Amino acid sequence: MPLATTGDLVTRAAADRSAVAAFNVITLEHIEAAVAGAESLRTPVILQVSENAVKFRHGHLLPLARAAVAAAQQAAVPVALHLDHVQSDDLLRQAADAGFSSVMYDAARLPYAENLATTRAAADWAHSQGLWIEAELGEVGGKNGEPPLDAHAPGARTDPAEAGAFVADSGVDALAVAVGSAHAMTERTATLDHYLLKRLATTLDVPLVLHGSSGVRDDELTAAVAGGISKVNVGTALNIAMTQAIREFLATHPEAVESRKYLSVGREAMVGATRRIIEVLGTAR
């Protein structure tokens, strides 16, 4: 199947009052698992490659991107590619030629004026290449091993009025909002601010994105989608599923050295994780 575009998938999900799952992939097994889970439920999916994943792959984007493109083209459901949490302008400019239809440009760490200026420049370039662009306002903590921000810390939540001005002035196509989730959570204990989310959904005329979804319970995710979230990013949940399955396999098979045996177990565990997330979000057909 030809590559889908992130913008189309997110727009369709928003119209259906559902959300499309966007899975961060690190290995070929992540890619295969996300596609297999989506195919089993006959639903579109987004494969995301983060800047951190590119760093893990020795700074080379194309090996993982080419694998994702090949998997998407062979999939029985629409699959889009998204370049996630990009801070490097050099990496940003590799997106279009590598098969990505969208990017998330991450300048949320900067003061508002700098975030706006750099995001505006990134949006102008992305649109000139036909790319859909997502940004972040407020700060979804927990990236790069940093502790999550306190829920009441300045900048920890997205301000609706500021977000309205930011979207209008930056020209972005979607906004990742900080409403109580955090990246890299290994326990599902995050509580979302649904009142704030409702205000953001009412104020903004672009799709809203939830980052750090692995730490959010199913009922909270369902409520977030009902409240206006149209794209849900998931990464750590896949890593937990893979790691636990491999750890259990090796504990019961200490003689095992054939990597295909334990990698296949890890891949199947990630298929299960993708299925659960997709069903919660309401995109399964």
C-alpha atoms as a PDB file:
ATOM      1  CA  MET A   1       0.000   0.000   0.000  1.00  0.00           C
ATOM      2  CA  PRO A   2       1.335   3.502  -0.769  1.00  0.00           C
ATOM      3  CA  LEU A   3       2.559   5.523   2.187  1.00  0.00           C
ATOM      4  CA  ALA A   4      -0.221   7.390   3.966  1.00  0.00           C
ATOM      5  CA  THR A   5       0.307  10.908   5.285  1.00  0.00           C
ATOM      6  CA  THR A   6       0.169  11.817   8.933  1.00  0.00           C
ATOM      7  CA  GLY A   7      -1.987  14.858   8.256  1.00  0.00           C
ATOM      8  CA  ASP A   8      -4.657  12.767   6.548  1.00  0.00           C
ATOM      9  CA  LEU A   9      -4.704  10.124   9.292  1.00  0.00           C
ATOM     10  CA  VAL A  10      -4.926  12.669  12.111  1.00  0.00           C
ATOM     11  CA  THR A  11      -7.561  14.759  10.333  1.00  0.00           C
ATOM     12  CA  ARG A  12      -9.672  11.657   9.755  1.00  0.00           C
ATOM     13  CA  ALA A  13      -9.327  10.582  13.386  1.00  0.00           C
ATOM     14  CA  ALA A  14     -10.339  14.045  14.591  1.00  0.00           C
ATOM     15  CA  ALA A  15     -13.447  13.961  12.388  1.00  0.00           C
ATOM     16  CA  ASP A  16     -14.346  10.535  13.829  1.00  0.00           C
ATOM     17  CA  ARG A  17     -13.766  11.736  17.426  1.00  0.00           C
ATOM     18  CA  SER A  18     -11.089   9.086  17.774  1.00  0.00           C
ATOM     19  CA  ALA A  19      -7.298   9.236  17.830  1.00  0.00           C
ATOM     20  CA  VAL A  20      -4.658   7.602  15.689  1.00  0.00           C
ATOM     21  CA  ALA A  21      -1.902   5.727  17.508  1.00  0.00           C
ATOM     22  CA  ALA A  22       1.646   6.863  16.775  1.00  0.00           C
ATOM     23  CA  PHE A  23       4.257   4.324  17.881  1.00  0.00           C
ATOM     24  CA  ASN A  24       7.895   5.232  18.383  1.00  0.00           C
ATOM     25  CA  VAL A  25      10.085   2.614  16.745  1.00  0.00           C
ATOM     26  CA  ILE A  26      13.714   1.820  17.501  1.00  0.00           C
ATOM     27  CA  THR A  27      14.315  -1.573  15.892  1.00  0.00           C
ATOM     28  CA  LEU A  28      12.885  -3.535  12.978  1.00  0.00           C
ATOM     29  CA  GLU A  29      10.945  -5.569  15.563  1.00  0.00           C
ATOM     30  CA  HIS A  30       9.210  -2.383  16.766  1.00  0.00           C
ATOM     31  CA  ILE A  31       8.235  -1.575  13.188  1.00  0.00           C
ATOM     32  CA  GLU A  32       6.926  -5.057  12.459  1.00  0.00           C
ATOM     33  CA  ALA A  33       4.987  -5.196  15.722  1.00  0.00           C
ATOM     34  CA  ALA A  34       3.273  -1.838  15.227  1.00  0.00           C
ATOM     35  CA  VAL A  35       2.245  -2.723  11.683  1.00  0.00           C
ATOM     36  CA  ALA A  36       1.084  -6.221  12.662  1.00  0.00           C
ATOM     37  CA  GLY A  37      -1.006  -4.858  15.529  1.00  0.00           C
ATOM     38  CA  ALA A  38      -2.635  -2.292  13.264  1.00  0.00           C
ATOM     39  CA  GLU A  39      -3.277  -4.860  10.545  1.00  0.00           C
ATOM     40  CA  SER A  40      -4.935  -7.254  13.002  1.00  0.00           C
ATOM     41  CA  LEU A  41      -7.423  -4.511  13.889  1.00  0.00           C
ATOM     42  CA  ARG A  42      -7.698  -3.105  10.345  1.00  0.00           C
ATOM     43  CA  THR A  43      -6.737   0.392  11.435  1.00  0.00           C
ATOM     44  CA  PRO A  44      -4.241   3.030  10.235  1.00  0.00           C
ATOM     45  CA  VAL A  45      -1.109   3.647  12.248  1.00  0.00           C
ATOM     46  CA  ILE A  46       1.786   6.103  12.419  1.00  0.00           C
ATOM     47  CA  LEU A  47       5.394   4.936  12.782  1.00  0.00           C
ATOM     48  CA  GLN A  48       7.544   7.507  14.547  1.00  0.00           C
ATOM     49  CA  VAL A  49      11.325   7.799  14.525  1.00  0.00           C
ATOM     50  CA  SER A  50      12.639  10.160  17.182  1.00  0.00           C
ATOM     51  CA  GLU A  51      15.841  12.135  17.141  1.00  0.00           C
ATOM     52  CA  ASN A  52      16.992   9.984  20.071  1.00  0.00           C
ATOM     53  CA  ALA A  53      16.377   6.836  18.000  1.00  0.00           C
ATOM     54  CA  VAL A  54      18.512   8.328  15.223  1.00  0.00           C
ATOM     55  CA  LYS A  55      21.289   8.999  17.741  1.00  0.00           C
ATOM     56  CA  PHE A  56      21.038   5.366  18.864  1.00  0.00           C
ATOM     57  CA  ARG A  57      21.490   4.317  15.242  1.00  0.00           C
ATOM     58  CA  HIS A  58      24.860   6.153  15.171  1.00  0.00           C
ATOM     59  CA  GLY A  59      23.252   9.330  13.847  1.00  0.00           C
ATOM     60  CA  HIS A  60      22.016   7.704  10.632  1.00  0.00           C
ATOM     61  CA  LEU A  61      18.347   8.229   9.782  1.00  0.00           C
ATOM     62  CA  LEU A  62      18.049   6.232   6.572  1.00  0.00           C
ATOM     63  CA  PRO A  63      18.557   2.621   7.769  1.00  0.00           C
ATOM     64  CA  LEU A  64      15.576   2.734  10.129  1.00  0.00           C
ATOM     65  CA  ALA A  65      13.577   5.015   7.839  1.00  0.00           C
ATOM     66  CA  ARG A  66      14.052   2.727   4.847  1.00  0.00           C
ATOM     67  CA  ALA A  67      12.901  -0.245   6.931  1.00  0.00           C
ATOM     68  CA  ALA A  68       9.810   1.676   8.024  1.00  0.00           C
ATOM     69  CA  VAL A  69       9.021   2.710   4.445  1.00  0.00           C
ATOM     70  CA  ALA A  70       9.340  -0.887   3.228  1.00  0.00           C
ATOM     71  CA  ALA A  71       7.081  -2.166   6.017  1.00  0.00           C
ATOM     72  CA  ALA A  72       4.517   0.557   5.320  1.00  0.00           C
ATOM     73  CA  GLN A  73       4.444  -0.225   1.609  1.00  0.00           C
ATOM     74  CA  GLN A  74       3.808  -3.906   2.316  1.00  0.00           C
ATOM     75  CA  ALA A  75       1.156  -3.252   4.979  1.00  0.00           C
ATOM     76  CA  ALA A  76      -2.514  -4.027   4.472  1.00  0.00           C
ATOM     77  CA  VAL A  77      -3.520  -0.816   6.283  1.00  0.00           C
ATOM     78  CA  PRO A  78      -2.515   2.842   5.811  1.00  0.00           C
ATOM     79  CA  VAL A  79       0.807   3.598   7.491  1.00  0.00           C
ATOM     80  CA  ALA A  80       2.405   7.034   7.788  1.00  0.00           C
ATOM     81  CA  LEU A  81       5.924   7.999   8.883  1.00  0.00           C
ATOM     82  CA  HIS A  82       6.581  10.798  11.356  1.00  0.00           C
ATOM     83  CA  LEU A  83       9.934  12.242  12.482  1.00  0.00           C
ATOM     84  CA  ASP A  84       9.545  12.887  16.206  1.00  0.00           C
ATOM     85  CA  HIS A  85      11.037  15.365  18.687  1.00  0.00           C
ATOM     86  CA  VAL A  86      13.404  16.969  16.213  1.00  0.00           C
ATOM     87  CA  GLN A  87      15.708  19.625  17.615  1.00  0.00           C
ATOM     88  CA  SER A  88      18.412  19.434  14.960  1.00  0.00           C
ATOM     89  CA  ASP A  89      17.785  21.522  11.860  1.00  0.00           C
ATOM     90  CA  ASP A  90      20.066  19.187   9.929  1.00  0.00           C
ATOM     91  CA  LEU A  91      17.874  16.202  10.829  1.00  0.00           C
ATOM     92  CA  LEU A  92      14.726  18.185  10.067  1.00  0.00           C
ATOM     93  CA  ARG A  93      15.938  18.767   6.523  1.00  0.00           C
ATOM     94  CA  GLN A  94      16.404  15.043   5.920  1.00  0.00           C
ATOM     95  CA  ALA A  95      12.727  14.271   6.574  1.00  0.00           C
ATOM     96  CA  ALA A  96      11.152  14.671   3.156  1.00  0.00           C
ATOM     97  CA  ASP A  97      13.756  12.658   1.239  1.00  0.00           C
ATOM     98  CA  ALA A  98      13.593   9.831   3.801  1.00  0.00           C
ATOM     99  CA  GLY A  99       9.873   9.157   3.313  1.00  0.00           C
ATOM    100  CA  PHE A 100       8.411  11.130   6.214  1.00  0.00           C
ATOM    101  CA  SER A 101       5.202  13.086   5.665  1.00  0.00           C
ATOM    102  CA  SER A 102       5.424  14.934   8.980  1.00  0.00           C
ATOM    103  CA  VAL A 103       7.747  16.157  11.698  1.00  0.00           C
ATOM    104  CA  MET A 104       7.425  17.189  15.313  1.00  0.00           C
ATOM    105  CA  TYR A 105       9.741  20.142  15.831  1.00  0.00           C
ATOM    106  CA  ASP A 106      10.639  20.339  19.514  1.00  0.00           C
ATOM    107  CA  ALA A 107      11.607  23.774  20.793  1.00  0.00           C
ATOM    108  CA  ALA A 108       9.455  23.567  23.933  1.00  0.00           C
ATOM    109  CA  ARG A 109      12.570  23.736  26.114  1.00  0.00           C
ATOM    110  CA  LEU A 110      13.169  27.320  24.951  1.00  0.00           C
ATOM    111  CA  PRO A 111      11.580  30.505  26.299  1.00  0.00           C
ATOM    112  CA  TYR A 112       8.321  31.345  24.534  1.00  0.00           C
ATOM    113  CA  ALA A 113       9.713  33.914  22.101  1.00  0.00           C
ATOM    114  CA  GLU A 114      12.562  31.623  20.998  1.00  0.00           C
ATOM    115  CA  ASN A 115      10.235  28.633  20.761  1.00  0.00           C
ATOM    116  CA  LEU A 116       7.919  30.644  18.528  1.00  0.00           C
ATOM    117  CA  ALA A 117      10.687  32.016  16.300  1.00  0.00           C
ATOM    118  CA  THR A 118      12.428  28.686  15.728  1.00  0.00           C
ATOM    119  CA  THR A 119       9.146  26.837  15.259  1.00  0.00           C
ATOM    120  CA  ARG A 120       7.929  29.442  12.756  1.00  0.00           C
ATOM    121  CA  ALA A 121      11.105  28.960  10.725  1.00  0.00           C
ATOM    122  CA  ALA A 122      10.747  25.179  10.902  1.00  0.00           C
ATOM    123  CA  ALA A 123       7.084  25.379   9.863  1.00  0.00           C
ATOM    124  CA  ASP A 124       7.893  27.585   6.894  1.00  0.00           C
ATOM    125  CA  TRP A 125      10.521  25.121   5.709  1.00  0.00           C
ATOM    126  CA  ALA A 126       8.343  22.068   6.372  1.00  0.00           C
ATOM    127  CA  HIS A 127       5.409  23.496   4.445  1.00  0.00           C
ATOM    128  CA  SER A 128       7.682  24.368   1.530  1.00  0.00           C
ATOM    129  CA  GLN A 129       8.491  20.629   1.369  1.00  0.00           C
ATOM    130  CA  GLY A 130       4.882  19.504   1.721  1.00  0.00           C
ATOM    131  CA  LEU A 131       5.388  18.306   5.298  1.00  0.00           C
ATOM    132  CA  TRP A 132       2.802  18.471   8.088  1.00  0.00           C
ATOM    133  CA  ILE A 133       4.335  19.866  11.286  1.00  0.00           C
ATOM    134  CA  GLU A 134       3.594  19.410  14.976  1.00  0.00           C
ATOM    135  CA  ALA A 135       5.038  21.472  17.819  1.00  0.00           C
ATOM    136  CA  GLU A 136       4.814  21.496  21.619  1.00  0.00           C
ATOM    137  CA  LEU A 137       3.828  24.225  24.037  1.00  0.00           C
ATOM    138  CA  GLY A 138       4.107  23.741  27.747  1.00  0.00           C
ATOM    139  CA  GLU A 139       6.515  20.983  28.620  1.00  0.00           C
ATOM    140  CA  VAL A 140       5.780  17.283  28.690  1.00  0.00           C
ATOM    141  CA  GLY A 141       8.653  16.320  30.984  1.00  0.00           C
ATOM    142  CA  GLY A 142      10.612  13.105  31.218  1.00  0.00           C
ATOM    143  CA  LYS A 143      12.683  13.300  28.022  1.00  0.00           C
ATOM    144  CA  ASN A 144      16.336  12.266  28.039  1.00  0.00           C
ATOM    145  CA  GLY A 145      16.184  10.863  31.549  1.00  0.00           C
ATOM    146  CA  GLU A 146      14.992  14.120  33.090  1.00  0.00           C
ATOM    147  CA  PRO A 147      12.409  13.834  35.889  1.00  0.00           C
ATOM    148  CA  PRO A 148       8.845  14.860  35.028  1.00  0.00           C
ATOM    149  CA  LEU A 149       7.973  18.440  35.858  1.00  0.00           C
ATOM    150  CA  ASP A 150       5.848  19.039  38.913  1.00  0.00           C
ATOM    151  CA  ALA A 151       2.253  19.494  37.790  1.00  0.00           C
ATOM    152  CA  HIS A 152       2.219  23.041  39.157  1.00  0.00           C
ATOM    153  CA  ALA A 153       5.659  24.118  37.936  1.00  0.00           C
ATOM    154  CA  PRO A 154       5.751  27.135  35.615  1.00  0.00           C
ATOM    155  CA  GLY A 155       5.499  25.929  32.043  1.00  0.00           C
ATOM    156  CA  ALA A 156       4.406  22.431  33.008  1.00  0.00           C
ATOM    157  CA  ARG A 157       0.918  22.942  31.551  1.00  0.00           C
ATOM    158  CA  THR A 158      -0.143  24.481  28.263  1.00  0.00           C
ATOM    159  CA  ASP A 159      -1.898  27.823  28.657  1.00  0.00           C
ATOM    160  CA  PRO A 160      -4.931  28.031  26.286  1.00  0.00           C
ATOM    161  CA  ALA A 161      -4.576  31.725  25.461  1.00  0.00           C
ATOM    162  CA  GLU A 162      -0.839  31.410  24.864  1.00  0.00           C
ATOM    163  CA  ALA A 163      -1.460  28.275  22.784  1.00  0.00           C
ATOM    164  CA  GLY A 164      -3.956  30.107  20.582  1.00  0.00           C
ATOM    165  CA  ALA A 165      -1.440  32.834  19.818  1.00  0.00           C
ATOM    166  CA  PHE A 166       1.363  30.313  19.329  1.00  0.00           C
ATOM    167  CA  VAL A 167      -0.564  28.250  16.770  1.00  0.00           C
ATOM    168  CA  ALA A 168      -1.658  31.345  14.854  1.00  0.00           C
ATOM    169  CA  ASP A 169       1.816  32.901  14.808  1.00  0.00           C
ATOM    170  CA  SER A 170       3.830  29.738  14.179  1.00  0.00           C
ATOM    171  CA  GLY A 171       1.636  28.208  11.484  1.00  0.00           C
ATOM    172  CA  VAL A 172       1.932  24.652  12.857  1.00  0.00           C
ATOM    173  CA  ASP A 173      -0.576  21.984  11.856  1.00  0.00           C
ATOM    174  CA  ALA A 174      -0.938  20.290  15.262  1.00  0.00           C
ATOM    175  CA  LEU A 175       0.033  20.987  18.843  1.00  0.00           C
ATOM    176  CA  ALA A 176       1.303  18.619  21.518  1.00  0.00           C
ATOM    177  CA  VAL A 177      -0.195  19.841  24.775  1.00  0.00           C
ATOM    178  CA  ALA A 178       1.023  19.405  28.334  1.00  0.00           C
ATOM    179  CA  VAL A 179      -1.972  18.253  30.384  1.00  0.00           C
ATOM    180  CA  GLY A 180      -0.358  15.990  32.978  1.00  0.00           C
ATOM    181  CA  SER A 181       1.426  13.176  31.134  1.00  0.00           C
ATOM    182  CA  ALA A 182       5.190  12.628  31.046  1.00  0.00           C
ATOM    183  CA  HIS A 183       7.607  10.829  28.771  1.00  0.00           C
ATOM    184  CA  ALA A 184       9.237   7.510  29.692  1.00  0.00           C
ATOM    185  CA  MET A 185       6.839   6.591  32.502  1.00  0.00           C
ATOM    186  CA  THR A 186       7.040   2.901  33.394  1.00  0.00           C
ATOM    187  CA  GLU A 187       3.952   2.959  35.638  1.00  0.00           C
ATOM    188  CA  ARG A 188       0.522   4.057  34.478  1.00  0.00           C
ATOM    189  CA  THR A 189      -0.134   6.607  37.197  1.00  0.00           C
ATOM    190  CA  ALA A 190      -0.472   9.915  35.300  1.00  0.00           C
ATOM    191  CA  THR A 191      -3.684  11.853  35.878  1.00  0.00           C
ATOM    192  CA  LEU A 192      -4.677  14.196  33.077  1.00  0.00           C
ATOM    193  CA  ASP A 193      -6.205  17.637  33.478  1.00  0.00           C
ATOM    194  CA  HIS A 194      -9.365  17.089  31.446  1.00  0.00           C
ATOM    195  CA  TYR A 195     -10.749  20.547  32.199  1.00  0.00           C
ATOM    196  CA  LEU A 196      -7.613  22.117  30.727  1.00  0.00           C
ATOM    197  CA  LEU A 197      -7.821  19.787  27.734  1.00  0.00           C
ATOM    198  CA  LYS A 198     -11.419  20.877  27.109  1.00  0.00           C
ATOM    199  CA  ARG A 199     -10.357  24.532  27.180  1.00  0.00           C
ATOM    200  CA  LEU A 200      -7.515  23.832  24.757  1.00  0.00           C
ATOM    201  CA  ALA A 201      -9.793  21.917  22.379  1.00  0.00           C
ATOM    202  CA  THR A 202     -12.266  24.790  22.432  1.00  0.00           C
ATOM    203  CA  THR A 203      -9.585  27.432  21.873  1.00  0.00           C
ATOM    204  CA  LEU A 204      -7.480  25.775  19.159  1.00  0.00           C
ATOM    205  CA  ASP A 205      -8.474  24.898  15.608  1.00  0.00           C
ATOM    206  CA  VAL A 206      -5.671  22.378  15.018  1.00  0.00           C
ATOM    207  CA  PRO A 207      -5.515  18.728  16.151  1.00  0.00           C
ATOM    208  CA  LEU A 208      -4.176  18.128  19.652  1.00  0.00           C
ATOM    209  CA  VAL A 209      -1.505  15.526  20.413  1.00  0.00           C
ATOM    210  CA  LEU A 210      -0.823  13.664  23.655  1.00  0.00           C
ATOM    211  CA  HIS A 211       2.786  12.747  24.408  1.00  0.00           C
ATOM    212  CA  GLY A 212       3.881  10.460  27.236  1.00  0.00           C
ATOM    213  CA  SER A 213       0.843   8.217  26.845  1.00  0.00           C
ATOM    214  CA  SER A 214       2.503   5.056  28.150  1.00  0.00           C
ATOM    215  CA  GLY A 215       2.021   6.333  31.694  1.00  0.00           C
ATOM    216  CA  VAL A 216      -1.704   7.032  31.249  1.00  0.00           C
ATOM    217  CA  ARG A 217      -4.413   4.530  32.226  1.00  0.00           C
ATOM    218  CA  ASP A 218      -6.892   3.261  29.655  1.00  0.00           C
ATOM    219  CA  ASP A 219      -9.819   5.188  31.113  1.00  0.00           C
ATOM    220  CA  GLU A 220      -7.776   8.385  31.124  1.00  0.00           C
ATOM    221  CA  LEU A 221      -6.779   7.841  27.484  1.00  0.00           C
ATOM    222  CA  THR A 222     -10.389   7.222  26.501  1.00  0.00           C
ATOM    223  CA  ALA A 223     -11.414  10.437  28.229  1.00  0.00           C
ATOM    224  CA  ALA A 224      -8.575  12.337  26.552  1.00  0.00           C
ATOM    225  CA  VAL A 225      -9.736  11.226  23.110  1.00  0.00           C
ATOM    226  CA  ALA A 226     -13.300  12.226  23.966  1.00  0.00           C
ATOM    227  CA  GLY A 227     -11.894  15.563  25.117  1.00  0.00           C
ATOM    228  CA  GLY A 228     -10.189  16.368  21.824  1.00  0.00           C
ATOM    229  CA  ILE A 229      -6.915  14.448  21.499  1.00  0.00           C
ATOM    230  CA  SER A 230      -6.487  13.191  17.917  1.00  0.00           C
ATOM    231  CA  LYS A 231      -2.965  11.710  17.951  1.00  0.00           C
ATOM    232  CA  VAL A 232      -1.522   9.649  20.801  1.00  0.00           C
ATOM    233  CA  ASN A 233       2.218   9.001  21.009  1.00  0.00           C
ATOM    234  CA  VAL A 234       3.326   5.702  22.524  1.00  0.00           C
ATOM    235  CA  GLY A 235       6.890   4.476  22.989  1.00  0.00           C
ATOM    236  CA  THR A 236       7.762   3.218  26.457  1.00  0.00           C
ATOM    237  CA  ALA A 237       4.804   0.798  26.552  1.00  0.00           C
ATOM    238  CA  LEU A 238       6.329  -1.108  23.629  1.00  0.00           C
ATOM    239  CA  ASN A 239       9.741  -1.193  25.277  1.00  0.00           C
ATOM    240  CA  ILE A 240       8.260  -2.487  28.532  1.00  0.00           C
ATOM    241  CA  ALA A 241       6.389  -5.254  26.717  1.00  0.00           C
ATOM    242  CA  MET A 242       9.439  -6.288  24.712  1.00  0.00           C
ATOM    243  CA  THR A 243      11.851  -6.210  27.630  1.00  0.00           C
ATOM    244  CA  GLN A 244       9.608  -8.119  30.012  1.00  0.00           C
ATOM    245  CA  ALA A 245       8.901 -10.837  27.441  1.00  0.00           C
ATOM    246  CA  ILE A 246      12.574 -11.297  26.583  1.00  0.00           C
ATOM    247  CA  ARG A 247      13.596 -11.245  30.247  1.00  0.00           C
ATOM    248  CA  GLU A 248      11.048 -13.967  31.074  1.00  0.00           C
ATOM    249  CA  PHE A 249      12.089 -16.062  28.070  1.00  0.00           C
ATOM    250  CA  LEU A 250      15.774 -15.929  28.955  1.00  0.00           C
ATOM    251  CA  ALA A 251      15.042 -16.691  32.613  1.00  0.00           C
ATOM    252  CA  THR A 252      13.260 -19.910  31.625  1.00  0.00           C
ATOM    253  CA  HIS A 253      15.657 -20.719  28.762  1.00  0.00           C
ATOM    254  CA  PRO A 254      19.107 -19.843  30.159  1.00  0.00           C
ATOM    255  CA  GLU A 255      20.728 -21.940  27.432  1.00  0.00           C
ATOM    256  CA  ALA A 256      19.238 -19.796  24.654  1.00  0.00           C
ATOM    257  CA  VAL A 257      21.668 -17.982  22.381  1.00  0.00           C
ATOM    258  CA  GLU A 258      19.648 -17.815  19.149  1.00  0.00           C
ATOM    259  CA  SER A 259      18.528 -14.197  19.011  1.00  0.00           C
ATOM    260  CA  ARG A 260      15.594 -14.927  16.701  1.00  0.00           C
ATOM    261  CA  LYS A 261      13.932 -16.959  19.433  1.00  0.00           C
ATOM    262  CA  TYR A 262      13.874 -14.245  22.069  1.00  0.00           C
ATOM    263  CA  LEU A 263      13.395 -11.394  19.605  1.00  0.00           C
ATOM    264  CA  SER A 264      10.294 -13.088  18.217  1.00  0.00           C
ATOM    265  CA  VAL A 265       8.912 -13.358  21.752  1.00  0.00           C
ATOM    266  CA  GLY A 266       9.599  -9.670  22.304  1.00  0.00           C
ATOM    267  CA  ARG A 267       8.027  -8.740  18.989  1.00  0.00           C
ATOM    268  CA  GLU A 268       4.831 -10.657  19.771  1.00  0.00           C
ATOM    269  CA  ALA A 269       4.587  -8.933  23.140  1.00  0.00           C
ATOM    270  CA  MET A 270       4.775  -5.573  21.373  1.00  0.00           C
ATOM    271  CA  VAL A 271       2.012  -6.652  18.972  1.00  0.00           C
ATOM    272  CA  GLY A 272      -0.184  -7.190  22.011  1.00  0.00           C
ATOM    273  CA  ALA A 273       0.720  -3.773  23.384  1.00  0.00           C
ATOM    274  CA  THR A 274      -0.119  -2.038  20.107  1.00  0.00           C
ATOM    275  CA  ARG A 275      -3.468  -3.817  19.899  1.00  0.00           C
ATOM    276  CA  ARG A 276      -4.427  -2.699  23.405  1.00  0.00           C
ATOM    277  CA  ILE A 277      -3.588   0.942  22.702  1.00  0.00           C
ATOM    278  CA  ILE A 278      -5.422   0.998  19.361  1.00  0.00           C
ATOM    279  CA  GLU A 279      -8.545  -0.530  20.890  1.00  0.00           C
ATOM    280  CA  VAL A 280      -8.523   2.008  23.720  1.00  0.00           C
ATOM    281  CA  LEU A 281      -8.257   4.899  21.270  1.00  0.00           C
ATOM    282  CA  GLY A 282     -11.276   3.764  19.295  1.00  0.00           C
ATOM    283  CA  THR A 283      -9.683   3.561  15.848  1.00  0.00           C
ATOM    284  CA  ALA A 284     -10.140  -0.197  15.425  1.00  0.00           C
ATOM    285  CA  ARG A 285     -12.545  -1.014  12.591  1.00  0.00           C
END
